[in-house]
Amino acid sequence: MLGGHCKKLAPVWDELADKVEAESPEDGILLAKVDCTKEKAVCNRFKVRGYPTLLYFAERSMFRYSGARDVDSLAAFATGGYKESKGEDVPAPPSWFDEKVKEIRKMLDSNEQIKMIADDFQHIVQMRKNAAVVLVAIGLVVGLLMGCVLGGSGGTKTTLRKSKKA
């Protein structure tokens, strides 16, 4: 569902795509649209708060466009005008670990005790990364010790015989 400003920009955006492709094909400029009602993770990553938000990515930076919403102004920005504005660091995508934590949180949200433990663990991971490493290391050591005590005591013995040299 597009708002009024997005609907007004849509034909301008399409015309801009045609203009950039026709006039500056060597620049390799790509235009994209993102529907924040469907792609919430993308919009959260790039801190999209108002609509439409226009972002330009070049030279390993992100540039927010706040100028006029006409084809010529947008084309001028995309073909070099962005260099006059201050670029921001491109936010990193969520890590595999962050994604798994979100999945587990969704599964466990119905259990209050587990929810409290998960909240504590997430706080430790976010705020005290060294403590998280220590907790994982302690868990690893305890697991290895338990494995040795419970599973390593009864096994087959292998003996080696030395051969006599004549």
C-alpha atoms as a PDB file:
ATOM      1  CA  MET A   1       0.000   0.000   0.000  1.00  0.00           C
ATOM      2  CA  LEU A   2       1.690   3.165  -1.195  1.00  0.00           C
ATOM      3  CA  GLY A   3       1.191   6.540   0.420  1.00  0.00           C
ATOM      4  CA  GLY A   4       0.547   9.752  -1.503  1.00  0.00           C
ATOM      5  CA  HIS A   5       4.186  10.858  -1.673  1.00  0.00           C
ATOM      6  CA  CYS A   6       5.318   7.448  -2.923  1.00  0.00           C
ATOM      7  CA  LYS A   7       2.564   7.346  -5.565  1.00  0.00           C
ATOM      8  CA  LYS A   8       3.564  10.817  -6.727  1.00  0.00           C
ATOM      9  CA  LEU A   9       7.239   9.778  -6.991  1.00  0.00           C
ATOM     10  CA  ALA A  10       6.598   6.474  -8.837  1.00  0.00           C
ATOM     11  CA  PRO A  11       6.318   7.914 -12.389  1.00  0.00           C
ATOM     12  CA  VAL A  12       9.291  10.219 -11.733  1.00  0.00           C
ATOM     13  CA  TRP A  13      11.311   7.203 -10.568  1.00  0.00           C
ATOM     14  CA  ASP A  14      10.412   5.237 -13.696  1.00  0.00           C
ATOM     15  CA  GLU A  15      11.349   8.202 -15.911  1.00  0.00           C
ATOM     16  CA  LEU A  16      14.623   8.569 -13.999  1.00  0.00           C
ATOM     17  CA  ALA A  17      15.473   4.913 -14.674  1.00  0.00           C
ATOM     18  CA  ASP A  18      14.941   5.452 -18.401  1.00  0.00           C
ATOM     19  CA  LYS A  19      16.969   8.683 -18.405  1.00  0.00           C
ATOM     20  CA  VAL A  20      19.943   7.248 -16.492  1.00  0.00           C
ATOM     21  CA  GLU A  21      20.005   4.141 -18.683  1.00  0.00           C
ATOM     22  CA  ALA A  22      19.866   6.229 -21.868  1.00  0.00           C
ATOM     23  CA  GLU A  23      22.289   9.005 -20.881  1.00  0.00           C
ATOM     24  CA  SER A  24      24.772   7.290 -18.546  1.00  0.00           C
ATOM     25  CA  PRO A  25      24.864   3.534 -19.246  1.00  0.00           C
ATOM     26  CA  GLU A  26      28.611   3.417 -18.489  1.00  0.00           C
ATOM     27  CA  ASP A  27      27.958   4.530 -14.885  1.00  0.00           C
ATOM     28  CA  GLY A  28      26.099   1.290 -14.119  1.00  0.00           C
ATOM     29  CA  ILE A  29      23.501   3.061 -11.987  1.00  0.00           C
ATOM     30  CA  LEU A  30      20.763   0.746 -10.755  1.00  0.00           C
ATOM     31  CA  LEU A  31      17.462   1.978  -9.346  1.00  0.00           C
ATOM     32  CA  ALA A  32      15.365  -0.064  -6.958  1.00  0.00           C
ATOM     33  CA  LYS A  33      12.153   0.219  -4.982  1.00  0.00           C
ATOM     34  CA  VAL A  34      11.594  -1.362  -1.576  1.00  0.00           C
ATOM     35  CA  ASP A  35       8.164  -1.807  -0.006  1.00  0.00           C
ATOM     36  CA  CYS A  36       8.767  -1.336   3.723  1.00  0.00           C
ATOM     37  CA  THR A  37       5.472  -3.035   4.583  1.00  0.00           C
ATOM     38  CA  LYS A  38       6.901  -6.243   3.110  1.00  0.00           C
ATOM     39  CA  GLU A  39      10.664  -5.795   3.619  1.00  0.00           C
ATOM     40  CA  LYS A  40      10.792  -4.627   7.232  1.00  0.00           C
ATOM     41  CA  ALA A  41      14.294  -6.002   7.859  1.00  0.00           C
ATOM     42  CA  VAL A  42      15.750  -3.997   4.968  1.00  0.00           C
ATOM     43  CA  CYS A  43      14.039  -0.818   6.113  1.00  0.00           C
ATOM     44  CA  ASN A  44      15.182  -1.324   9.709  1.00  0.00           C
ATOM     45  CA  ARG A  45      18.752  -1.931   8.542  1.00  0.00           C
ATOM     46  CA  PHE A  46      18.844   1.364   6.636  1.00  0.00           C
ATOM     47  CA  LYS A  47      16.845   3.294   9.279  1.00  0.00           C
ATOM     48  CA  VAL A  48      14.001   4.237   6.965  1.00  0.00           C
ATOM     49  CA  ARG A  49      11.554   6.333   9.002  1.00  0.00           C
ATOM     50  CA  GLY A  50       9.719   8.445   6.429  1.00  0.00           C
ATOM     51  CA  TYR A  51       8.415   7.673   2.977  1.00  0.00           C
ATOM     52  CA  PRO A  52       9.696   7.880   0.377  1.00  0.00           C
ATOM     53  CA  THR A  53      13.309   7.668   1.572  1.00  0.00           C
ATOM     54  CA  LEU A  54      15.846   7.985  -1.228  1.00  0.00           C
ATOM     55  CA  LEU A  55      19.266   6.422  -0.668  1.00  0.00           C
ATOM     56  CA  TYR A  56      22.168   6.314  -3.096  1.00  0.00           C
ATOM     57  CA  PHE A  57      25.053   3.873  -2.673  1.00  0.00           C
ATOM     58  CA  ALA A  58      28.461   4.697  -4.126  1.00  0.00           C
ATOM     59  CA  GLU A  59      32.114   4.487  -3.134  1.00  0.00           C
ATOM     60  CA  ARG A  60      31.317   2.174  -0.195  1.00  0.00           C
ATOM     61  CA  SER A  61      29.062   4.806   1.344  1.00  0.00           C
ATOM     62  CA  MET A  62      25.369   5.598   1.565  1.00  0.00           C
ATOM     63  CA  PHE A  63      24.061   9.037   0.638  1.00  0.00           C
ATOM     64  CA  ARG A  64      20.619  10.289   1.691  1.00  0.00           C
ATOM     65  CA  TYR A  65      18.892  12.399  -0.921  1.00  0.00           C
ATOM     66  CA  SER A  66      16.828  15.324   0.317  1.00  0.00           C
ATOM     67  CA  GLY A  67      16.602  17.518  -2.784  1.00  0.00           C
ATOM     68  CA  ALA A  68      13.864  18.174  -5.302  1.00  0.00           C
ATOM     69  CA  ARG A  69      11.833  15.176  -6.457  1.00  0.00           C
ATOM     70  CA  ASP A  70      12.095  15.808 -10.183  1.00  0.00           C
ATOM     71  CA  VAL A  71      13.910  13.748 -12.811  1.00  0.00           C
ATOM     72  CA  ASP A  72      16.671  16.255 -13.556  1.00  0.00           C
ATOM     73  CA  SER A  73      17.576  16.850  -9.878  1.00  0.00           C
ATOM     74  CA  LEU A  74      17.593  13.128  -9.109  1.00  0.00           C
ATOM     75  CA  ALA A  75      19.687  12.361 -12.203  1.00  0.00           C
ATOM     76  CA  ALA A  76      22.201  15.080 -11.298  1.00  0.00           C
ATOM     77  CA  PHE A  77      22.548  13.616  -7.801  1.00  0.00           C
ATOM     78  CA  ALA A  78      23.007  10.058  -9.085  1.00  0.00           C
ATOM     79  CA  THR A  79      25.575  11.014 -11.721  1.00  0.00           C
ATOM     80  CA  GLY A  80      27.908  12.881  -9.392  1.00  0.00           C
ATOM     81  CA  GLY A  81      25.988  15.338  -7.243  1.00  0.00           C
ATOM     82  CA  TYR A  82      26.081  12.887  -4.348  1.00  0.00           C
ATOM     83  CA  LYS A  83      29.786  13.728  -3.906  1.00  0.00           C
ATOM     84  CA  GLU A  84      28.797  17.107  -2.471  1.00  0.00           C
ATOM     85  CA  SER A  85      26.809  15.519   0.364  1.00  0.00           C
ATOM     86  CA  LYS A  86      28.117  13.680   3.397  1.00  0.00           C
ATOM     87  CA  GLY A  87      28.165   9.923   3.005  1.00  0.00           C
ATOM     88  CA  GLU A  88      27.309   7.505   5.794  1.00  0.00           C
ATOM     89  CA  ASP A  89      28.689   4.046   6.459  1.00  0.00           C
ATOM     90  CA  VAL A  90      26.555   1.328   4.899  1.00  0.00           C
ATOM     91  CA  PRO A  91      25.010  -0.650   7.773  1.00  0.00           C
ATOM     92  CA  ALA A  92      26.177  -4.248   7.872  1.00  0.00           C
ATOM     93  CA  PRO A  93      23.570  -6.931   7.302  1.00  0.00           C
ATOM     94  CA  PRO A  94      22.491  -8.888  10.355  1.00  0.00           C
ATOM     95  CA  SER A  95      24.877 -11.717  11.166  1.00  0.00           C
ATOM     96  CA  TRP A  96      23.949 -15.388  11.024  1.00  0.00           C
ATOM     97  CA  PHE A  97      24.032 -15.417  14.818  1.00  0.00           C
ATOM     98  CA  ASP A  98      21.617 -12.468  15.065  1.00  0.00           C
ATOM     99  CA  GLU A  99      19.197 -14.220  12.711  1.00  0.00           C
ATOM    100  CA  LYS A 100      19.327 -17.467  14.702  1.00  0.00           C
ATOM    101  CA  VAL A 101      18.746 -15.593  17.976  1.00  0.00           C
ATOM    102  CA  LYS A 102      15.632 -13.981  16.443  1.00  0.00           C
ATOM    103  CA  GLU A 103      14.333 -17.380  15.284  1.00  0.00           C
ATOM    104  CA  ILE A 104      14.848 -18.940  18.695  1.00  0.00           C
ATOM    105  CA  ARG A 105      13.235 -15.964  20.424  1.00  0.00           C
ATOM    106  CA  LYS A 106      10.108 -16.363  18.264  1.00  0.00           C
ATOM    107  CA  MET A 107       9.870 -20.044  19.209  1.00  0.00           C
ATOM    108  CA  LEU A 108      10.367 -19.459  22.911  1.00  0.00           C
ATOM    109  CA  ASP A 109       8.289 -16.300  23.452  1.00  0.00           C
ATOM    110  CA  SER A 110       5.391 -18.313  24.860  1.00  0.00           C
ATOM    111  CA  ASN A 111       7.425 -19.649  27.838  1.00  0.00           C
ATOM    112  CA  GLU A 112       8.025 -16.908  30.450  1.00  0.00           C
ATOM    113  CA  GLN A 113      10.986 -18.572  32.218  1.00  0.00           C
ATOM    114  CA  ILE A 114      12.805 -19.278  28.981  1.00  0.00           C
ATOM    115  CA  LYS A 115      11.907 -15.786  27.749  1.00  0.00           C
ATOM    116  CA  MET A 116      13.663 -14.259  30.777  1.00  0.00           C
ATOM    117  CA  ILE A 117      16.767 -16.415  30.226  1.00  0.00           C
ATOM    118  CA  ALA A 118      16.811 -15.483  26.516  1.00  0.00           C
ATOM    119  CA  ASP A 119      16.514 -11.783  27.391  1.00  0.00           C
ATOM    120  CA  ASP A 120      19.453 -12.095  29.788  1.00  0.00           C
ATOM    121  CA  PHE A 121      21.539 -13.960  27.200  1.00  0.00           C
ATOM    122  CA  GLN A 122      20.779 -11.392  24.499  1.00  0.00           C
ATOM    123  CA  HIS A 123      21.722  -8.584  26.891  1.00  0.00           C
ATOM    124  CA  ILE A 124      25.025 -10.317  27.661  1.00  0.00           C
ATOM    125  CA  VAL A 125      25.768 -10.836  23.956  1.00  0.00           C
ATOM    126  CA  GLN A 126      24.924  -7.241  23.048  1.00  0.00           C
ATOM    127  CA  MET A 127      26.466  -5.392  25.960  1.00  0.00           C
ATOM    128  CA  ARG A 128      29.133  -7.660  27.388  1.00  0.00           C
ATOM    129  CA  LYS A 129      30.661  -9.638  24.556  1.00  0.00           C
ATOM    130  CA  ASN A 130      33.612 -10.775  26.690  1.00  0.00           C
ATOM    131  CA  ALA A 131      31.198 -12.232  29.232  1.00  0.00           C
ATOM    132  CA  ALA A 132      29.430 -14.129  26.450  1.00  0.00           C
ATOM    133  CA  VAL A 133      32.743 -15.654  25.343  1.00  0.00           C
ATOM    134  CA  VAL A 134      33.514 -16.667  28.937  1.00  0.00           C
ATOM    135  CA  LEU A 135      30.059 -18.274  29.312  1.00  0.00           C
ATOM    136  CA  VAL A 136      30.527 -20.259  26.106  1.00  0.00           C
ATOM    137  CA  ALA A 137      34.036 -21.333  27.188  1.00  0.00           C
ATOM    138  CA  ILE A 138      32.784 -22.450  30.619  1.00  0.00           C
ATOM    139  CA  GLY A 139      29.974 -24.404  28.961  1.00  0.00           C
ATOM    140  CA  LEU A 140      32.467 -26.067  26.638  1.00  0.00           C
ATOM    141  CA  VAL A 141      34.783 -27.053  29.504  1.00  0.00           C
ATOM    142  CA  VAL A 142      31.923 -28.378  31.650  1.00  0.00           C
ATOM    143  CA  GLY A 143      30.589 -30.346  28.673  1.00  0.00           C
ATOM    144  CA  LEU A 144      33.991 -31.868  27.942  1.00  0.00           C
ATOM    145  CA  LEU A 145      34.504 -32.808  31.595  1.00  0.00           C
ATOM    146  CA  MET A 146      31.079 -34.409  31.812  1.00  0.00           C
ATOM    147  CA  GLY A 147      31.750 -36.278  28.584  1.00  0.00           C
ATOM    148  CA  CYS A 148      35.053 -37.600  29.942  1.00  0.00           C
ATOM    149  CA  VAL A 149      33.592 -38.604  33.311  1.00  0.00           C
ATOM    150  CA  LEU A 150      30.360 -40.134  32.064  1.00  0.00           C
ATOM    151  CA  GLY A 151      31.356 -41.467  28.695  1.00  0.00           C
ATOM    152  CA  GLY A 152      35.071 -41.968  28.727  1.00  0.00           C
ATOM    153  CA  SER A 153      35.599 -44.319  31.675  1.00  0.00           C
ATOM    154  CA  GLY A 154      34.612 -47.641  30.117  1.00  0.00           C
ATOM    155  CA  GLY A 155      36.235 -48.516  26.865  1.00  0.00           C
ATOM    156  CA  THR A 156      38.491 -51.006  25.195  1.00  0.00           C
ATOM    157  CA  LYS A 157      42.167 -50.936  25.952  1.00  0.00           C
ATOM    158  CA  THR A 158      44.640 -51.061  23.163  1.00  0.00           C
ATOM    159  CA  THR A 159      48.097 -52.343  23.880  1.00  0.00           C
ATOM    160  CA  LEU A 160      51.120 -51.850  21.762  1.00  0.00           C
ATOM    161  CA  ARG A 161      53.807 -54.453  21.547  1.00  0.00           C
ATOM    162  CA  LYS A 162      57.331 -53.612  20.790  1.00  0.00           C
ATOM    163  CA  SER A 163      58.905 -55.884  18.295  1.00  0.00           C
ATOM    164  CA  LYS A 164      62.295 -57.215  19.135  1.00  0.00           C
ATOM    165  CA  LYS A 165      64.993 -56.525  16.658  1.00  0.00           C
ATOM    166  CA  ALA A 166      67.281 -59.408  15.998  1.00  0.00           C
END
